[in-house]
Amino acid sequence: MNQALLKKIESEQYRKDDAKFAVGDSVKVHTKVVEGDKERIQIFSGVVMGRRGHGLNATFTIRRISYGEGVERVFPLHSPRVDKVEVERQGSVRRAKLTYLRKRLGKGATLVKEKTEKAAPAKK
């Protein structure tokens, strides 16, 4: 297939609101769940462990602790099932993938240093 034709078809399927979040951020993902003939929104909140792919194939992994057990879930970024991604807290990390969170227990499993703004030096 022609590359330009593929890009045109893909461009219609991209997410309209640009999700601005990075690895280490604490986010709430609002997903649409269909039960019978009803549809509702379910929220999955946790720390972004990683992002991968580009274009329509982009995904991100969220990890949270639920009843003492670590739960990870992979969401497609441009899926129509993902209603919105809401950033609760911005984290400051130095890695692209936070797989080391799997080994941590308790508060340490969700603890990512919060991003702080660097102040400009004071003028004398």
N, C-alpha and C. Protein backbone atom coordinates (compact mmCIF):
# COMPACT_ATOMS: atom_id res chain seq x y z
N MET A 1 0.83 -1.19 0.00
CA MET A 1 0.00 0.00 0.00
C MET A 1 0.87 1.24 0.00
N ASN A 2 0.29 2.29 -0.49
CA ASN A 2 1.00 3.56 -0.52
C ASN A 2 1.12 4.12 0.89
N GLN A 3 2.31 4.60 1.25
CA GLN A 3 2.56 5.12 2.60
C GLN A 3 1.69 6.33 2.93
N ALA A 4 1.48 7.20 1.94
CA ALA A 4 0.65 8.39 2.16
C ALA A 4 -0.80 7.99 2.45
N LEU A 5 -1.28 6.96 1.77
CA LEU A 5 -2.64 6.49 1.99
C LEU A 5 -2.79 5.90 3.40
N LEU A 6 -1.77 5.15 3.83
CA LEU A 6 -1.78 4.59 5.18
C LEU A 6 -1.82 5.69 6.23
N LYS A 7 -1.00 6.72 6.05
CA LYS A 7 -0.96 7.82 7.02
C LYS A 7 -2.30 8.55 7.10
N LYS A 8 -2.96 8.69 5.95
CA LYS A 8 -4.25 9.37 5.93
C LYS A 8 -5.30 8.56 6.69
N ILE A 9 -5.30 7.25 6.50
CA ILE A 9 -6.25 6.38 7.20
C ILE A 9 -5.97 6.38 8.69
N GLU A 10 -4.69 6.32 9.06
CA GLU A 10 -4.33 6.31 10.48
C GLU A 10 -4.64 7.64 11.15
N SER A 11 -4.49 8.76 10.44
CA SER A 11 -4.68 10.07 11.05
C SER A 11 -6.10 10.27 11.55
N GLU A 12 -7.08 9.61 10.92
CA GLU A 12 -8.47 9.72 11.35
C GLU A 12 -8.71 9.01 12.68
N GLN A 13 -7.85 8.06 13.03
CA GLN A 13 -8.07 7.23 14.21
C GLN A 13 -7.29 7.70 15.43
N TYR A 14 -6.46 8.75 15.26
CA TYR A 14 -5.70 9.26 16.40
C TYR A 14 -6.61 9.91 17.42
N ARG A 15 -6.14 9.96 18.63
CA ARG A 15 -6.84 10.59 19.74
C ARG A 15 -6.90 12.10 19.52
N LYS A 16 -8.05 12.70 19.75
CA LYS A 16 -8.21 14.14 19.51
C LYS A 16 -7.52 14.97 20.60
N ASP A 17 -7.77 14.61 21.87
CA ASP A 17 -7.11 15.31 22.97
C ASP A 17 -5.75 14.65 23.20
N ASP A 18 -4.71 15.44 23.14
CA ASP A 18 -3.36 14.90 23.29
C ASP A 18 -3.09 14.60 24.76
N ALA A 19 -2.80 13.34 25.07
CA ALA A 19 -2.53 12.93 26.44
C ALA A 19 -1.09 13.31 26.81
N LYS A 20 -0.94 14.28 27.67
CA LYS A 20 0.38 14.76 28.08
C LYS A 20 0.76 14.13 29.41
N PHE A 21 1.45 13.02 29.36
CA PHE A 21 1.96 12.39 30.57
C PHE A 21 3.25 11.67 30.23
N ALA A 22 4.04 11.40 31.26
CA ALA A 22 5.34 10.78 31.04
C ALA A 22 5.51 9.62 32.02
N VAL A 23 6.60 8.89 31.86
CA VAL A 23 6.90 7.78 32.76
C VAL A 23 7.16 8.35 34.16
N GLY A 24 6.59 7.72 35.17
CA GLY A 24 6.74 8.17 36.54
C GLY A 24 5.57 8.98 37.06
N ASP A 25 4.71 9.43 36.17
CA ASP A 25 3.54 10.20 36.59
C ASP A 25 2.48 9.29 37.20
N SER A 26 1.75 9.83 38.17
CA SER A 26 0.59 9.12 38.71
C SER A 26 -0.62 9.59 37.92
N VAL A 27 -1.33 8.64 37.31
CA VAL A 27 -2.43 9.01 36.44
C VAL A 27 -3.69 8.22 36.78
N LYS A 28 -4.82 8.74 36.31
CA LYS A 28 -6.10 8.04 36.35
C LYS A 28 -6.51 7.82 34.90
N VAL A 29 -6.75 6.57 34.54
CA VAL A 29 -7.17 6.23 33.18
C VAL A 29 -8.66 5.90 33.22
N HIS A 30 -9.45 6.66 32.50
CA HIS A 30 -10.90 6.45 32.44
C HIS A 30 -11.17 5.56 31.23
N THR A 31 -11.65 4.34 31.49
CA THR A 31 -11.92 3.40 30.39
C THR A 31 -13.41 3.11 30.30
N LYS A 32 -13.87 2.91 29.09
CA LYS A 32 -15.27 2.57 28.86
C LYS A 32 -15.43 1.07 28.96
N VAL A 33 -16.36 0.63 29.80
CA VAL A 33 -16.63 -0.79 30.00
C VAL A 33 -18.06 -1.06 29.56
N VAL A 34 -18.24 -2.07 28.70
CA VAL A 34 -19.57 -2.44 28.22
C VAL A 34 -20.04 -3.67 28.97
N GLU A 35 -21.19 -3.55 29.65
CA GLU A 35 -21.78 -4.67 30.37
C GLU A 35 -23.20 -4.85 29.86
N GLY A 36 -23.39 -5.87 29.05
CA GLY A 36 -24.71 -6.08 28.44
C GLY A 36 -24.99 -4.98 27.43
N ASP A 37 -26.07 -4.24 27.65
CA ASP A 37 -26.38 -3.13 26.75
C ASP A 37 -26.02 -1.78 27.36
N LYS A 38 -25.44 -1.80 28.57
CA LYS A 38 -25.05 -0.56 29.25
C LYS A 38 -23.55 -0.31 29.10
N GLU A 39 -23.18 0.95 29.13
CA GLU A 39 -21.77 1.34 29.07
C GLU A 39 -21.48 2.26 30.24
N ARG A 40 -20.37 2.01 30.92
CA ARG A 40 -19.99 2.86 32.05
C ARG A 40 -18.51 3.15 31.98
N ILE A 41 -18.07 4.10 32.81
CA ILE A 41 -16.66 4.49 32.88
C ILE A 41 -16.04 3.86 34.12
N GLN A 42 -14.92 3.19 33.94
CA GLN A 42 -14.19 2.60 35.06
C GLN A 42 -12.82 3.29 35.13
N ILE A 43 -12.39 3.62 36.34
CA ILE A 43 -11.12 4.34 36.53
C ILE A 43 -10.06 3.38 37.05
N PHE A 44 -8.91 3.40 36.40
CA PHE A 44 -7.74 2.62 36.83
C PHE A 44 -6.65 3.63 37.10
N SER A 45 -6.23 3.75 38.37
CA SER A 45 -5.22 4.75 38.71
C SER A 45 -3.95 4.06 39.17
N GLY A 46 -2.82 4.66 38.85
CA GLY A 46 -1.53 4.10 39.24
C GLY A 46 -0.39 4.91 38.65
N VAL A 47 0.79 4.31 38.69
CA VAL A 47 2.01 4.96 38.21
C VAL A 47 2.32 4.45 36.80
N VAL A 48 2.69 5.36 35.92
CA VAL A 48 3.07 4.98 34.56
C VAL A 48 4.44 4.32 34.62
N MET A 49 4.51 3.04 34.25
CA MET A 49 5.77 2.29 34.28
C MET A 49 6.55 2.42 32.99
N GLY A 50 5.86 2.61 31.88
CA GLY A 50 6.57 2.71 30.62
C GLY A 50 5.64 3.06 29.48
N ARG A 51 6.24 3.57 28.42
CA ARG A 51 5.52 3.83 27.18
C ARG A 51 6.30 3.16 26.07
N ARG A 52 5.58 2.68 25.06
CA ARG A 52 6.27 2.06 23.94
C ARG A 52 5.48 2.24 22.66
N GLY A 53 6.15 2.06 21.54
CA GLY A 53 5.53 2.18 20.24
C GLY A 53 5.34 3.62 19.82
N HIS A 54 4.90 3.79 18.59
CA HIS A 54 4.59 5.12 18.09
C HIS A 54 3.43 5.01 17.11
N GLY A 55 2.81 6.14 16.86
CA GLY A 55 1.64 6.13 15.98
C GLY A 55 0.46 5.45 16.65
N LEU A 56 -0.30 4.71 15.87
CA LEU A 56 -1.47 4.02 16.42
C LEU A 56 -1.10 2.87 17.34
N ASN A 57 0.11 2.37 17.23
CA ASN A 57 0.54 1.24 18.04
C ASN A 57 1.08 1.63 19.41
N ALA A 58 1.04 2.90 19.77
CA ALA A 58 1.59 3.36 21.05
C ALA A 58 0.77 2.81 22.22
N THR A 59 1.48 2.29 23.23
CA THR A 59 0.83 1.79 24.44
C THR A 59 1.55 2.33 25.66
N PHE A 60 0.88 2.26 26.81
CA PHE A 60 1.51 2.63 28.07
C PHE A 60 1.07 1.66 29.14
N THR A 61 1.95 1.42 30.13
CA THR A 61 1.71 0.46 31.19
C THR A 61 1.50 1.20 32.51
N ILE A 62 0.44 0.85 33.22
CA ILE A 62 0.12 1.44 34.51
C ILE A 62 0.22 0.35 35.56
N ARG A 63 0.80 0.68 36.72
CA ARG A 63 0.91 -0.28 37.82
C ARG A 63 0.31 0.34 39.08
N ARG A 64 -0.45 -0.48 39.79
CA ARG A 64 -0.98 -0.06 41.08
C ARG A 64 -0.99 -1.25 42.02
N ILE A 65 -1.10 -0.97 43.31
CA ILE A 65 -1.19 -2.02 44.32
C ILE A 65 -2.66 -2.14 44.71
N SER A 66 -3.23 -3.33 44.52
CA SER A 66 -4.63 -3.57 44.83
C SER A 66 -4.72 -4.73 45.81
N TYR A 67 -5.17 -4.45 47.01
CA TYR A 67 -5.30 -5.45 48.07
C TYR A 67 -3.97 -6.18 48.31
N GLY A 68 -2.88 -5.43 48.33
CA GLY A 68 -1.57 -5.99 48.62
C GLY A 68 -0.93 -6.72 47.45
N GLU A 69 -1.57 -6.72 46.32
CA GLU A 69 -1.07 -7.41 45.14
C GLU A 69 -0.81 -6.38 44.04
N GLY A 70 0.33 -6.48 43.36
CA GLY A 70 0.65 -5.56 42.27
C GLY A 70 -0.14 -5.92 41.02
N VAL A 71 -0.78 -4.93 40.41
CA VAL A 71 -1.56 -5.14 39.20
C VAL A 71 -1.03 -4.20 38.12
N GLU A 72 -0.67 -4.76 36.98
CA GLU A 72 -0.22 -3.96 35.84
C GLU A 72 -1.22 -4.12 34.71
N ARG A 73 -1.42 -3.03 33.99
CA ARG A 73 -2.36 -3.07 32.87
C ARG A 73 -1.78 -2.25 31.73
N VAL A 74 -1.87 -2.78 30.54
CA VAL A 74 -1.36 -2.10 29.35
C VAL A 74 -2.54 -1.52 28.59
N PHE A 75 -2.46 -0.22 28.29
CA PHE A 75 -3.52 0.46 27.56
C PHE A 75 -3.00 0.95 26.21
N PRO A 76 -3.76 0.75 25.14
CA PRO A 76 -3.40 1.40 23.87
C PRO A 76 -3.70 2.90 23.99
N LEU A 77 -2.79 3.74 23.58
CA LEU A 77 -2.93 5.18 23.75
C LEU A 77 -4.08 5.75 22.93
N HIS A 78 -4.27 5.27 21.71
CA HIS A 78 -5.27 5.83 20.81
C HIS A 78 -6.54 5.00 20.73
N SER A 79 -6.79 4.16 21.73
CA SER A 79 -7.97 3.31 21.72
C SER A 79 -9.23 4.12 22.01
N PRO A 80 -10.33 3.83 21.32
CA PRO A 80 -11.59 4.51 21.65
C PRO A 80 -12.14 4.08 23.00
N ARG A 81 -11.68 2.96 23.55
CA ARG A 81 -12.10 2.52 24.88
C ARG A 81 -11.49 3.37 25.99
N VAL A 82 -10.35 4.00 25.73
CA VAL A 82 -9.73 4.89 26.73
C VAL A 82 -10.37 6.26 26.55
N ASP A 83 -11.19 6.65 27.54
CA ASP A 83 -11.92 7.91 27.45
C ASP A 83 -10.98 9.09 27.65
N LYS A 84 -10.24 9.08 28.77
CA LYS A 84 -9.26 10.16 29.00
C LYS A 84 -8.21 9.69 29.99
N VAL A 85 -7.07 10.37 29.96
CA VAL A 85 -5.98 10.10 30.87
C VAL A 85 -5.75 11.37 31.68
N GLU A 86 -5.95 11.27 32.98
CA GLU A 86 -5.89 12.42 33.88
C GLU A 86 -4.64 12.32 34.75
N VAL A 87 -3.76 13.32 34.69
CA VAL A 87 -2.52 13.31 35.46
C VAL A 87 -2.81 13.83 36.87
N GLU A 88 -2.53 13.00 37.89
CA GLU A 88 -2.72 13.41 39.28
C GLU A 88 -1.47 14.10 39.80
N ARG A 89 -0.32 13.49 39.49
CA ARG A 89 0.95 13.97 40.04
C ARG A 89 2.06 13.70 39.03
N GLN A 90 2.93 14.66 38.83
CA GLN A 90 4.05 14.44 37.91
C GLN A 90 5.23 13.90 38.69
N GLY A 91 5.84 12.84 38.16
CA GLY A 91 6.98 12.23 38.82
C GLY A 91 8.27 12.58 38.12
N SER A 92 9.36 12.53 38.88
CA SER A 92 10.67 12.79 38.33
C SER A 92 11.47 11.50 38.36
N VAL A 93 11.72 10.91 37.20
CA VAL A 93 12.46 9.65 37.11
C VAL A 93 13.57 9.81 36.08
N ARG A 94 14.54 8.90 36.15
CA ARG A 94 15.68 8.98 35.25
C ARG A 94 15.77 7.76 34.33
N ARG A 95 14.65 7.06 34.20
CA ARG A 95 14.62 5.86 33.37
C ARG A 95 13.41 5.88 32.44
N ALA A 96 13.47 5.09 31.40
CA ALA A 96 12.35 4.99 30.47
C ALA A 96 11.36 3.94 30.92
N LYS A 97 11.83 2.89 31.61
CA LYS A 97 10.97 1.82 32.10
C LYS A 97 11.21 1.65 33.60
N LEU A 98 10.14 1.63 34.39
CA LEU A 98 10.27 1.53 35.84
C LEU A 98 9.98 0.11 36.31
N THR A 99 10.67 -0.86 35.75
CA THR A 99 10.43 -2.26 36.11
C THR A 99 10.90 -2.57 37.52
N TYR A 100 11.77 -1.74 38.09
CA TYR A 100 12.24 -1.98 39.45
C TYR A 100 11.12 -1.81 40.48
N LEU A 101 10.01 -1.20 40.12
CA LEU A 101 8.88 -1.05 41.05
C LEU A 101 8.25 -2.40 41.38
N ARG A 102 8.46 -3.41 40.52
CA ARG A 102 7.89 -4.74 40.76
C ARG A 102 8.47 -5.39 41.99
N LYS A 103 9.72 -5.07 42.33
CA LYS A 103 10.38 -5.69 43.48
C LYS A 103 10.04 -4.99 44.79
N ARG A 104 9.48 -3.81 44.72
CA ARG A 104 9.22 -3.04 45.94
C ARG A 104 7.88 -3.41 46.57
N LEU A 105 7.81 -3.23 47.88
CA LEU A 105 6.60 -3.53 48.64
C LEU A 105 6.09 -2.28 49.34
N GLY A 106 4.82 -2.26 49.64
CA GLY A 106 4.22 -1.18 50.42
C GLY A 106 4.28 0.16 49.73
N LYS A 107 4.60 1.19 50.50
CA LYS A 107 4.61 2.55 49.98
C LYS A 107 5.73 2.74 48.95
N GLY A 108 6.81 2.00 49.09
CA GLY A 108 7.93 2.11 48.17
C GLY A 108 7.57 1.68 46.75
N ALA A 109 6.51 0.89 46.60
CA ALA A 109 6.10 0.42 45.28
C ALA A 109 5.42 1.52 44.48
N THR A 110 4.84 2.50 45.17
CA THR A 110 4.14 3.58 44.48
C THR A 110 4.88 4.89 44.59
N LEU A 111 5.96 4.90 45.35
CA LEU A 111 6.66 6.15 45.63
C LEU A 111 7.62 6.49 44.49
N VAL A 112 7.31 7.54 43.78
CA VAL A 112 8.19 8.11 42.77
C VAL A 112 8.36 9.56 43.15
N LYS A 113 9.61 10.03 43.14
CA LYS A 113 9.88 11.40 43.57
C LYS A 113 9.08 12.39 42.73
N GLU A 114 8.45 13.35 43.40
CA GLU A 114 7.62 14.32 42.70
C GLU A 114 8.50 15.35 42.00
N LYS A 115 8.06 15.75 40.82
CA LYS A 115 8.81 16.71 40.02
C LYS A 115 8.74 18.09 40.67
N THR A 116 9.88 18.74 40.79
CA THR A 116 9.92 20.09 41.35
C THR A 116 10.48 21.03 40.31
N GLU A 117 9.94 22.23 40.30
CA GLU A 117 10.41 23.25 39.37
C GLU A 117 11.65 23.89 39.93
N LYS A 118 12.68 24.03 39.08
CA LYS A 118 13.91 24.69 39.51
C LYS A 118 13.71 26.19 39.45
N ALA A 119 14.03 26.84 40.55
CA ALA A 119 13.86 28.29 40.63
C ALA A 119 15.03 28.98 39.94
N ALA A 120 14.73 30.11 39.33
CA ALA A 120 15.77 30.90 38.69
C ALA A 120 16.65 31.53 39.76
N PRO A 121 17.97 31.68 39.52
CA PRO A 121 18.83 32.29 40.52
C PRO A 121 18.41 33.73 40.81
N ALA A 122 18.48 34.11 42.07
CA ALA A 122 18.06 35.45 42.50
C ALA A 122 19.05 36.50 42.02
N LYS A 123 18.51 37.61 41.57
CA LYS A 123 19.36 38.74 41.11
C LYS A 123 19.69 39.63 42.30
N LYS A 124 20.93 40.13 42.31
CA LYS A 124 21.33 41.01 43.41
C LYS A 124 21.28 42.44 43.01
